[in-house]
Amino acid sequence: MKIVVTGSLGNISQPLTKQLVDNGHSVVVVSRNPERQAAIEALGAIPAIGSMEDVEILTKTFTGADAVYVMQTLPEDGFFNPAIDIYETVRAL
């Protein structure tokens, strides 16, 4: 299967990517950080470098995928900052 994983190489997406690749799937990992390309390739996955806000990149990457795992992120202090409305922040991304 072709599976797209977002969330780059975070605490959930990295082990998920490794497990999927180890199980024989073709995995594409979306990351906005070009410096992570080599680490994505080292896992046996295909890097798709670009922003989750870039519709063109997402359309190209998601086309033909059998499954997509989407990890939505917040600013670095987003989960622990009581002044941030998580739902509004995600809608704004």
PDB file of N, CA and C in Angstrom:
ATOM      1  N   MET A   1       0.835  -1.194   0.000  1.00  0.00           N
ATOM      2  CA  MET A   1       0.000   0.000   0.000  1.00  0.00           C
ATOM      3  C   MET A   1       0.872   1.246   0.000  1.00  0.00           C
ATOM      4  N   LYS A   2       0.370   2.304  -0.613  1.00  0.00           N
ATOM      5  CA  LYS A   2       1.025   3.610  -0.521  1.00  0.00           C
ATOM      6  C   LYS A   2       0.359   4.359   0.619  1.00  0.00           C
ATOM      7  N   ILE A   3       1.161   4.711   1.616  1.00  0.00           N
ATOM      8  CA  ILE A   3       0.643   5.385   2.804  1.00  0.00           C
ATOM      9  C   ILE A   3       1.405   6.696   2.988  1.00  0.00           C
ATOM     10  N   VAL A   4       0.678   7.771   3.202  1.00  0.00           N
ATOM     11  CA  VAL A   4       1.271   9.078   3.452  1.00  0.00           C
ATOM     12  C   VAL A   4       1.168   9.363   4.952  1.00  0.00           C
ATOM     13  N   VAL A   5       2.275   9.802   5.527  1.00  0.00           N
ATOM     14  CA  VAL A   5       2.329  10.128   6.952  1.00  0.00           C
ATOM     15  C   VAL A   5       2.747  11.579   7.096  1.00  0.00           C
ATOM     16  N   THR A   6       1.976  12.342   7.833  1.00  0.00           N
ATOM     17  CA  THR A   6       2.381  13.710   8.145  1.00  0.00           C
ATOM     18  C   THR A   6       2.885  13.721   9.588  1.00  0.00           C
ATOM     19  N   GLY A   7       3.445  14.843   9.994  1.00  0.00           N
ATOM     20  CA  GLY A   7       4.005  14.912  11.333  1.00  0.00           C
ATOM     21  C   GLY A   7       5.507  14.680  11.310  1.00  0.00           C
ATOM     22  N   SER A   8       6.059  14.570  10.112  1.00  0.00           N
ATOM     23  CA  SER A   8       7.491  14.431   9.882  1.00  0.00           C
ATOM     24  C   SER A   8       8.069  13.289  10.698  1.00  0.00           C
ATOM     25  N   LEU A   9       9.047  13.570  11.534  1.00  0.00           N
ATOM     26  CA  LEU A   9       9.717  12.531  12.315  1.00  0.00           C
ATOM     27  C   LEU A   9       9.468  12.724  13.807  1.00  0.00           C
ATOM     28  N   GLY A  10       8.236  13.043  14.146  1.00  0.00           N
ATOM     29  CA  GLY A  10       7.880  13.257  15.545  1.00  0.00           C
ATOM     30  C   GLY A  10       7.766  11.957  16.328  1.00  0.00           C
ATOM     31  N   ASN A  11       7.364  12.081  17.573  1.00  0.00           N
ATOM     32  CA  ASN A  11       7.287  10.943  18.492  1.00  0.00           C
ATOM     33  C   ASN A  11       6.299   9.872  18.066  1.00  0.00           C
ATOM     34  N   ILE A  12       5.325  10.213  17.265  1.00  0.00           N
ATOM     35  CA  ILE A  12       4.353   9.233  16.782  1.00  0.00           C
ATOM     36  C   ILE A  12       4.655   8.861  15.332  1.00  0.00           C
ATOM     37  N   SER A  13       4.891   9.846  14.502  1.00  0.00           N
ATOM     38  CA  SER A  13       5.057   9.592  13.070  1.00  0.00           C
ATOM     39  C   SER A  13       6.313   8.807  12.733  1.00  0.00           C
ATOM     40  N   GLN A  14       7.410   9.022  13.458  1.00  0.00           N
ATOM     41  CA  GLN A  14       8.637   8.290  13.145  1.00  0.00           C
ATOM     42  C   GLN A  14       8.497   6.790  13.413  1.00  0.00           C
ATOM     43  N   PRO A  15       8.053   6.361  14.607  1.00  0.00           N
ATOM     44  CA  PRO A  15       7.896   4.909  14.792  1.00  0.00           C
ATOM     45  C   PRO A  15       6.819   4.314  13.888  1.00  0.00           C
ATOM     46  N   LEU A  16       5.775   5.093  13.596  1.00  0.00           N
ATOM     47  CA  LEU A  16       4.742   4.619  12.680  1.00  0.00           C
ATOM     48  C   LEU A  16       5.340   4.382  11.299  1.00  0.00           C
ATOM     49  N   THR A  17       6.132   5.323  10.821  1.00  0.00           N
ATOM     50  CA  THR A  17       6.778   5.189   9.523  1.00  0.00           C
ATOM     51  C   THR A  17       7.670   3.965   9.479  1.00  0.00           C
ATOM     52  N   LYS A  18       8.483   3.775  10.510  1.00  0.00           N
ATOM     53  CA  LYS A  18       9.377   2.614  10.559  1.00  0.00           C
ATOM     54  C   LYS A  18       8.589   1.315  10.502  1.00  0.00           C
ATOM     55  N   GLN A  19       7.519   1.233  11.269  1.00  0.00           N
ATOM     56  CA  GLN A  19       6.715   0.009  11.289  1.00  0.00           C
ATOM     57  C   GLN A  19       6.070  -0.250   9.924  1.00  0.00           C
ATOM     58  N   LEU A  20       5.547   0.794   9.306  1.00  0.00           N
ATOM     59  CA  LEU A  20       4.910   0.633   7.996  1.00  0.00           C
ATOM     60  C   LEU A  20       5.921   0.186   6.942  1.00  0.00           C
ATOM     61  N   VAL A  21       7.101   0.813   6.939  1.00  0.00           N
ATOM     62  CA  VAL A  21       8.147   0.427   5.984  1.00  0.00           C
ATOM     63  C   VAL A  21       8.577  -1.018   6.243  1.00  0.00           C
ATOM     64  N   ASP A  22       8.771  -1.364   7.519  1.00  0.00           N
ATOM     65  CA  ASP A  22       9.174  -2.731   7.868  1.00  0.00           C
ATOM     66  C   ASP A  22       8.131  -3.766   7.433  1.00  0.00           C
ATOM     67  N   ASN A  23       6.878  -3.337   7.347  1.00  0.00           N
ATOM     68  CA  ASN A  23       5.804  -4.231   6.913  1.00  0.00           C
ATOM     69  C   ASN A  23       5.607  -4.219   5.397  1.00  0.00           C
ATOM     70  N   GLY A  24       6.520  -3.550   4.677  1.00  0.00           N
ATOM     71  CA  GLY A  24       6.512  -3.618   3.230  1.00  0.00           C
ATOM     72  C   GLY A  24       5.707  -2.555   2.503  1.00  0.00           C
ATOM     73  N   HIS A  25       5.239  -1.552   3.216  1.00  0.00           N
ATOM     74  CA  HIS A  25       4.453  -0.497   2.585  1.00  0.00           C
ATOM     75  C   HIS A  25       5.365   0.564   1.976  1.00  0.00           C
ATOM     76  N   SER A  26       4.870   1.228   0.956  1.00  0.00           N
ATOM     77  CA  SER A  26       5.523   2.399   0.384  1.00  0.00           C
ATOM     78  C   SER A  26       5.025   3.596   1.189  1.00  0.00           C
ATOM     79  N   VAL A  27       5.931   4.253   1.889  1.00  0.00           N
ATOM     80  CA  VAL A  27       5.532   5.330   2.801  1.00  0.00           C
ATOM     81  C   VAL A  27       6.132   6.651   2.342  1.00  0.00           C
ATOM     82  N   VAL A  28       5.285   7.659   2.261  1.00  0.00           N
ATOM     83  CA  VAL A  28       5.710   9.024   1.947  1.00  0.00           C
ATOM     84  C   VAL A  28       5.531   9.842   3.218  1.00  0.00           C
ATOM     85  N   VAL A  29       6.582  10.532   3.646  1.00  0.00           N
ATOM     86  CA  VAL A  29       6.534  11.338   4.860  1.00  0.00           C
ATOM     87  C   VAL A  29       6.581  12.813   4.472  1.00  0.00           C
ATOM     88  N   VAL A  30       5.586  13.561   4.923  1.00  0.00           N
ATOM     89  CA  VAL A  30       5.521  14.995   4.665  1.00  0.00           C
ATOM     90  C   VAL A  30       6.247  15.728   5.793  1.00  0.00           C
ATOM     91  N   SER A  31       7.193  16.568   5.419  1.00  0.00           N
ATOM     92  CA  SER A  31       7.935  17.381   6.392  1.00  0.00           C
ATOM     93  C   SER A  31       8.185  18.752   5.793  1.00  0.00           C
ATOM     94  N   ARG A  32       8.061  19.770   6.597  1.00  0.00           N
ATOM     95  CA  ARG A  32       8.349  21.115   6.096  1.00  0.00           C
ATOM     96  C   ARG A  32       9.835  21.436   6.188  1.00  0.00           C
ATOM     97  N   ASN A  33      10.595  20.558   6.852  1.00  0.00           N
ATOM     98  CA  ASN A  33      12.004  20.810   7.097  1.00  0.00           C
ATOM     99  C   ASN A  33      12.878  20.005   6.129  1.00  0.00           C
ATOM    100  N   PRO A  34      13.519  20.666   5.162  1.00  0.00           N
ATOM    101  CA  PRO A  34      14.352  19.951   4.199  1.00  0.00           C
ATOM    102  C   PRO A  34      15.537  19.226   4.846  1.00  0.00           C
ATOM    103  N   GLU A  35      15.932  19.641   6.031  1.00  0.00           N
ATOM    104  CA  GLU A  35      17.044  18.994   6.730  1.00  0.00           C
ATOM    105  C   GLU A  35      16.669  17.585   7.207  1.00  0.00           C
ATOM    106  N   ARG A  36      15.393  17.240   7.187  1.00  0.00           N
ATOM    107  CA  ARG A  36      14.957  15.906   7.616  1.00  0.00           C
ATOM    108  C   ARG A  36      14.892  14.904   6.464  1.00  0.00           C
ATOM    109  N   GLN A  37      15.172  15.369   5.256  1.00  0.00           N
ATOM    110  CA  GLN A  37      15.070  14.497   4.091  1.00  0.00           C
ATOM    111  C   GLN A  37      15.928  13.242   4.244  1.00  0.00           C
ATOM    112  N   ALA A  38      17.184  13.394   4.638  1.00  0.00           N
ATOM    113  CA  ALA A  38      18.084  12.243   4.762  1.00  0.00           C
ATOM    114  C   ALA A  38      17.586  11.264   5.829  1.00  0.00           C
ATOM    115  N   ALA A  39      17.080  11.775   6.935  1.00  0.00           N
ATOM    116  CA  ALA A  39      16.578  10.907   8.005  1.00  0.00           C
ATOM    117  C   ALA A  39      15.328  10.146   7.551  1.00  0.00           C
ATOM    118  N   ILE A  40      14.492  10.796   6.764  1.00  0.00           N
ATOM    119  CA  ILE A  40      13.298  10.132   6.215  1.00  0.00           C
ATOM    120  C   ILE A  40      13.726   9.016   5.270  1.00  0.00           C
ATOM    121  N   GLU A  41      14.673   9.313   4.408  1.00  0.00           N
ATOM    122  CA  GLU A  41      15.172   8.308   3.470  1.00  0.00           C
ATOM    123  C   GLU A  41      15.856   7.154   4.208  1.00  0.00           C
ATOM    124  N   ALA A  42      16.551   7.458   5.316  1.00  0.00           N
ATOM    125  CA  ALA A  42      17.219   6.412   6.101  1.00  0.00           C
ATOM    126  C   ALA A  42      16.217   5.421   6.690  1.00  0.00           C
ATOM    127  N   LEU A  43      14.990   5.863   6.910  1.00  0.00           N
ATOM    128  CA  LEU A  43      13.938   4.971   7.397  1.00  0.00           C
ATOM    129  C   LEU A  43      13.367   4.104   6.276  1.00  0.00           C
ATOM    130  N   GLY A  44      13.724   4.434   5.045  1.00  0.00           N
ATOM    131  CA  GLY A  44      13.189   3.707   3.895  1.00  0.00           C
ATOM    132  C   GLY A  44      11.937   4.333   3.319  1.00  0.00           C
ATOM    133  N   ALA A  45      11.654   5.557   3.750  1.00  0.00           N
ATOM    134  CA  ALA A  45      10.468   6.272   3.280  1.00  0.00           C
ATOM    135  C   ALA A  45      10.860   7.303   2.225  1.00  0.00           C
ATOM    136  N   ILE A  46       9.845   7.858   1.592  1.00  0.00           N
ATOM    137  CA  ILE A  46      10.029   8.869   0.554  1.00  0.00           C
ATOM    138  C   ILE A  46       9.678  10.228   1.147  1.00  0.00           C
ATOM    139  N   PRO A  47      10.595  11.184   1.121  1.00  0.00           N
ATOM    140  CA  PRO A  47      10.288  12.500   1.666  1.00  0.00           C
ATOM    141  C   PRO A  47       9.458  13.341   0.704  1.00  0.00           C
ATOM    142  N   ALA A  48       8.507  14.071   1.255  1.00  0.00           N
ATOM    143  CA  ALA A  48       7.746  15.084   0.518  1.00  0.00           C
ATOM    144  C   ALA A  48       7.927  16.367   1.320  1.00  0.00           C
ATOM    145  N   ILE A  49       8.822  17.208   0.861  1.00  0.00           N
ATOM    146  CA  ILE A  49       9.179  18.402   1.620  1.00  0.00           C
ATOM    147  C   ILE A  49       8.261  19.554   1.238  1.00  0.00           C
ATOM    148  N   GLY A  50       7.559  20.087   2.233  1.00  0.00           N
ATOM    149  CA  GLY A  50       6.662  21.200   2.004  1.00  0.00           C
ATOM    150  C   GLY A  50       5.749  21.422   3.189  1.00  0.00           C
ATOM    151  N   SER A  51       5.003  22.469   3.125  1.00  0.00           N
ATOM    152  CA  SER A  51       4.121  22.879   4.213  1.00  0.00           C
ATOM    153  C   SER A  51       2.770  22.189   4.134  1.00  0.00           C
ATOM    154  N   MET A  52       2.184  21.922   5.284  1.00  0.00           N
ATOM    155  CA  MET A  52       0.829  21.386   5.341  1.00  0.00           C
ATOM    156  C   MET A  52      -0.186  22.415   4.861  1.00  0.00           C
ATOM    157  N   GLU A  53       0.258  23.625   4.634  1.00  0.00           N
ATOM    158  CA  GLU A  53      -0.615  24.681   4.131  1.00  0.00           C
ATOM    159  C   GLU A  53      -0.527  24.807   2.609  1.00  0.00           C
ATOM    160  N   ASP A  54       0.344  24.031   1.989  1.00  0.00           N
ATOM    161  CA  ASP A  54       0.557  24.104   0.538  1.00  0.00           C
ATOM    162  C   ASP A  54      -0.336  23.073  -0.152  1.00  0.00           C
ATOM    163  N   VAL A  55      -1.441  23.542  -0.704  1.00  0.00           N
ATOM    164  CA  VAL A  55      -2.433  22.655  -1.309  1.00  0.00           C
ATOM    165  C   VAL A  55      -1.829  21.877  -2.479  1.00  0.00           C
ATOM    166  N   GLU A  56      -0.970  22.496  -3.255  1.00  0.00           N
ATOM    167  CA  GLU A  56      -0.360  21.825  -4.412  1.00  0.00           C
ATOM    168  C   GLU A  56       0.475  20.622  -3.967  1.00  0.00           C
ATOM    169  N   ILE A  57       1.304  20.811  -2.970  1.00  0.00           N
ATOM    170  CA  ILE A  57       2.138  19.709  -2.470  1.00  0.00           C
ATOM    171  C   ILE A  57       1.271  18.606  -1.880  1.00  0.00           C
ATOM    172  N   LEU A  58       0.268  18.985  -1.089  1.00  0.00           N
ATOM    173  CA  LEU A  58      -0.600  17.975  -0.480  1.00  0.00           C
ATOM    174  C   LEU A  58      -1.381  17.208  -1.538  1.00  0.00           C
ATOM    175  N   THR A  59      -1.884  17.900  -2.546  1.00  0.00           N
ATOM    176  CA  THR A  59      -2.628  17.234  -3.614  1.00  0.00           C
ATOM    177  C   THR A  59      -1.738  16.234  -4.335  1.00  0.00           C
ATOM    178  N   LYS A  60      -0.538  16.656  -4.678  1.00  0.00           N
ATOM    179  CA  LYS A  60       0.408  15.777  -5.369  1.00  0.00           C
ATOM    180  C   LYS A  60       0.770  14.579  -4.488  1.00  0.00           C
ATOM    181  N   THR A  61       1.005  14.827  -3.215  1.00  0.00           N
ATOM    182  CA  THR A  61       1.432  13.767  -2.300  1.00  0.00           C
ATOM    183  C   THR A  61       0.309  12.803  -1.976  1.00  0.00           C
ATOM    184  N   PHE A  62      -0.906  13.305  -1.775  1.00  0.00           N
ATOM    185  CA  PHE A  62      -2.024  12.449  -1.389  1.00  0.00           C
ATOM    186  C   PHE A  62      -2.634  11.687  -2.570  1.00  0.00           C
ATOM    187  N   THR A  63      -2.415  12.180  -3.793  1.00  0.00           N
ATOM    188  CA  THR A  63      -2.986  11.514  -4.968  1.00  0.00           C
ATOM    189  C   THR A  63      -2.428  10.095  -5.091  1.00  0.00           C
ATOM    190  N   GLY A  64      -3.319   9.135  -5.202  1.00  0.00           N
ATOM    191  CA  GLY A  64      -2.919   7.742  -5.345  1.00  0.00           C
ATOM    192  C   GLY A  64      -2.628   7.030  -4.043  1.00  0.00           C
ATOM    193  N   ALA A  65      -2.728   7.728  -2.930  1.00  0.00           N
ATOM    194  CA  ALA A  65      -2.461   7.092  -1.638  1.00  0.00           C
ATOM    195  C   ALA A  65      -3.625   6.175  -1.257  1.00  0.00           C
ATOM    196  N   ASP A  66      -3.277   5.048  -0.667  1.00  0.00           N
ATOM    197  CA  ASP A  66      -4.293   4.131  -0.152  1.00  0.00           C
ATOM    198  C   ASP A  66      -4.763   4.555   1.236  1.00  0.00           C
ATOM    199  N   ALA A  67      -3.880   5.226   1.965  1.00  0.00           N
ATOM    200  CA  ALA A  67      -4.220   5.709   3.317  1.00  0.00           C
ATOM    201  C   ALA A  67      -3.361   6.928   3.619  1.00  0.00           C
ATOM    202  N   VAL A  68      -3.902   7.817   4.461  1.00  0.00           N
ATOM    203  CA  VAL A  68      -3.176   9.008   4.890  1.00  0.00           C
ATOM    204  C   VAL A  68      -3.349   9.146   6.395  1.00  0.00           C
ATOM    205  N   TYR A  69      -2.221   9.268   7.097  1.00  0.00           N
ATOM    206  CA  TYR A  69      -2.240   9.536   8.533  1.00  0.00           C
ATOM    207  C   TYR A  69      -1.869  10.999   8.704  1.00  0.00           C
ATOM    208  N   VAL A  70      -2.762  11.781   9.271  1.00  0.00           N
ATOM    209  CA  VAL A  70      -2.544  13.225   9.396  1.00  0.00           C
ATOM    210  C   VAL A  70      -2.355  13.595  10.856  1.00  0.00           C
ATOM    211  N   MET A  71      -1.163  14.099  11.164  1.00  0.00           N
ATOM    212  CA  MET A  71      -0.846  14.585  12.500  1.00  0.00           C
ATOM    213  C   MET A  71      -0.838  16.109  12.417  1.00  0.00           C
ATOM    214  N   GLN A  72      -1.796  16.742  13.072  1.00  0.00           N
ATOM    215  CA  GLN A  72      -1.856  18.207  13.087  1.00  0.00           C
ATOM    216  C   GLN A  72      -1.028  18.703  14.252  1.00  0.00           C
ATOM    217  N   THR A  73      -0.213  19.690  14.019  1.00  0.00           N
ATOM    218  CA  THR A  73       0.648  20.223  15.069  1.00  0.00           C
ATOM    219  C   THR A  73       0.227  21.631  15.452  1.00  0.00           C
ATOM    220  N   LEU A  74       0.730  22.046  16.586  1.00  0.00           N
ATOM    221  CA  LEU A  74       0.517  23.399  17.093  1.00  0.00           C
ATOM    222  C   LEU A  74       1.868  24.065  17.287  1.00  0.00           C
ATOM    223  N   PRO A  75       1.855  25.365  17.567  1.00  0.00           N
ATOM    224  CA  PRO A  75       3.119  26.016  17.900  1.00  0.00           C
ATOM    225  C   PRO A  75       3.775  25.289  19.073  1.00  0.00           C
ATOM    226  N   GLU A  76       5.075  25.481  19.220  1.00  0.00           N
ATOM    227  CA  GLU A  76       5.856  24.734  20.207  1.00  0.00           C
ATOM    228  C   GLU A  76       5.241  24.718  21.604  1.00  0.00           C
ATOM    229  N   ASP A  77       4.724  25.831  22.062  1.00  0.00           N
ATOM    230  CA  ASP A  77       4.153  25.869  23.414  1.00  0.00           C
ATOM    231  C   ASP A  77       2.630  25.720  23.404  1.00  0.00           C
ATOM    232  N   GLY A  78       2.064  25.324  22.293  1.00  0.00           N
ATOM    233  CA  GLY A  78       0.619  25.312  22.107  1.00  0.00           C
ATOM    234  C   GLY A  78      -0.172  24.449  23.068  1.00  0.00           C
ATOM    235  N   PHE A  79       0.315  23.264  23.381  1.00  0.00           N
ATOM    236  CA  PHE A  79      -0.454  22.353  24.217  1.00  0.00           C
ATOM    237  C   PHE A  79      -0.429  22.733  25.692  1.00  0.00           C
ATOM    238  N   PHE A  80       0.575  23.480  26.092  1.00  0.00           N
ATOM    239  CA  PHE A  80       0.729  23.795  27.507  1.00  0.00           C
ATOM    240  C   PHE A  80       0.485  25.261  27.830  1.00  0.00           C
ATOM    241  N   ASN A  81       0.062  26.030  26.855  1.00  0.00           N
ATOM    242  CA  ASN A  81      -0.206  27.443  27.058  1.00  0.00           C
ATOM    243  C   ASN A  81      -1.718  27.643  27.199  1.00  0.00           C
ATOM    244  N   PRO A  82      -2.195  27.957  28.416  1.00  0.00           N
ATOM    245  CA  PRO A  82      -3.645  28.081  28.621  1.00  0.00           C
ATOM    246  C   PRO A  82      -4.266  29.246  27.846  1.00  0.00           C
ATOM    247  N   ALA A  83      -3.456  30.159  27.334  1.00  0.00           N
ATOM    248  CA  ALA A  83      -3.993  31.293  26.578  1.00  0.00           C
ATOM    249  C   ALA A  83      -4.315  30.917  25.135  1.00  0.00           C
ATOM    250  N   ILE A  84      -3.855  29.758  24.681  1.00  0.00           N
ATOM    251  CA  ILE A  84      -4.094  29.346  23.300  1.00  0.00           C
ATOM    252  C   ILE A  84      -5.344  28.491  23.210  1.00  0.00           C
ATOM    253  N   ASP A  85      -6.242  28.887  22.315  1.00  0.00           N
ATOM    254  CA  ASP A  85      -7.436  28.095  22.021  1.00  0.00           C
ATOM    255  C   ASP A  85      -7.025  27.075  20.957  1.00  0.00           C
ATOM    256  N   ILE A  86      -6.875  25.818  21.357  1.00  0.00           N
ATOM    257  CA  ILE A  86      -6.371  24.788  20.463  1.00  0.00           C
ATOM    258  C   ILE A  86      -7.215  24.671  19.198  1.00  0.00           C
ATOM    259  N   TYR A  87      -8.518  24.668  19.347  1.00  0.00           N
ATOM    260  CA  TYR A  87      -9.394  24.492  18.189  1.00  0.00           C
ATOM    261  C   TYR A  87      -9.270  25.654  17.210  1.00  0.00           C
ATOM    262  N   GLU A  88      -9.216  26.850  17.727  1.00  0.00           N
ATOM    263  CA  GLU A  88      -9.089  28.026  16.849  1.00  0.00           C
ATOM    264  C   GLU A  88      -7.711  28.043  16.170  1.00  0.00           C
ATOM    265  N   THR A  89      -6.689  27.648  16.896  1.00  0.00           N
ATOM    266  CA  THR A  89      -5.346  27.623  16.321  1.00  0.00           C
ATOM    267  C   THR A  89      -5.269  26.623  15.180  1.00  0.00           C
ATOM    268  N   VAL A  90      -5.843  25.444  15.336  1.00  0.00           N
ATOM    269  CA  VAL A  90      -5.838  24.431  14.287  1.00  0.00           C
ATOM    270  C   VAL A  90      -6.638  24.911  13.077  1.00  0.00           C
ATOM    271  N   ARG A  91      -7.781  25.544  13.325  1.00  0.00           N
ATOM    272  CA  ARG A  91      -8.572  26.071  12.207  1.00  0.00           C
ATOM    273  C   ARG A  91      -7.809  27.115  11.413  1.00  0.00           C
ATOM    274  N   ALA A  92      -6.966  27.885  12.103  1.00  0.00           N
ATOM    275  CA  ALA A  92      -6.221  28.961  11.456  1.00  0.00           C
ATOM    276  C   ALA A  92      -5.033  28.437  10.652  1.00  0.00           C
ATOM    277  N   LEU A  93      -4.576  27.222  10.923  1.00  0.00           N
ATOM    278  CA  LEU A  93      -3.402  26.685  10.223  1.00  0.00           C
ATOM    279  C   LEU A  93      -3.722  26.332   8.825  1.00  0.00           C
TER     280      LEU A  93
END
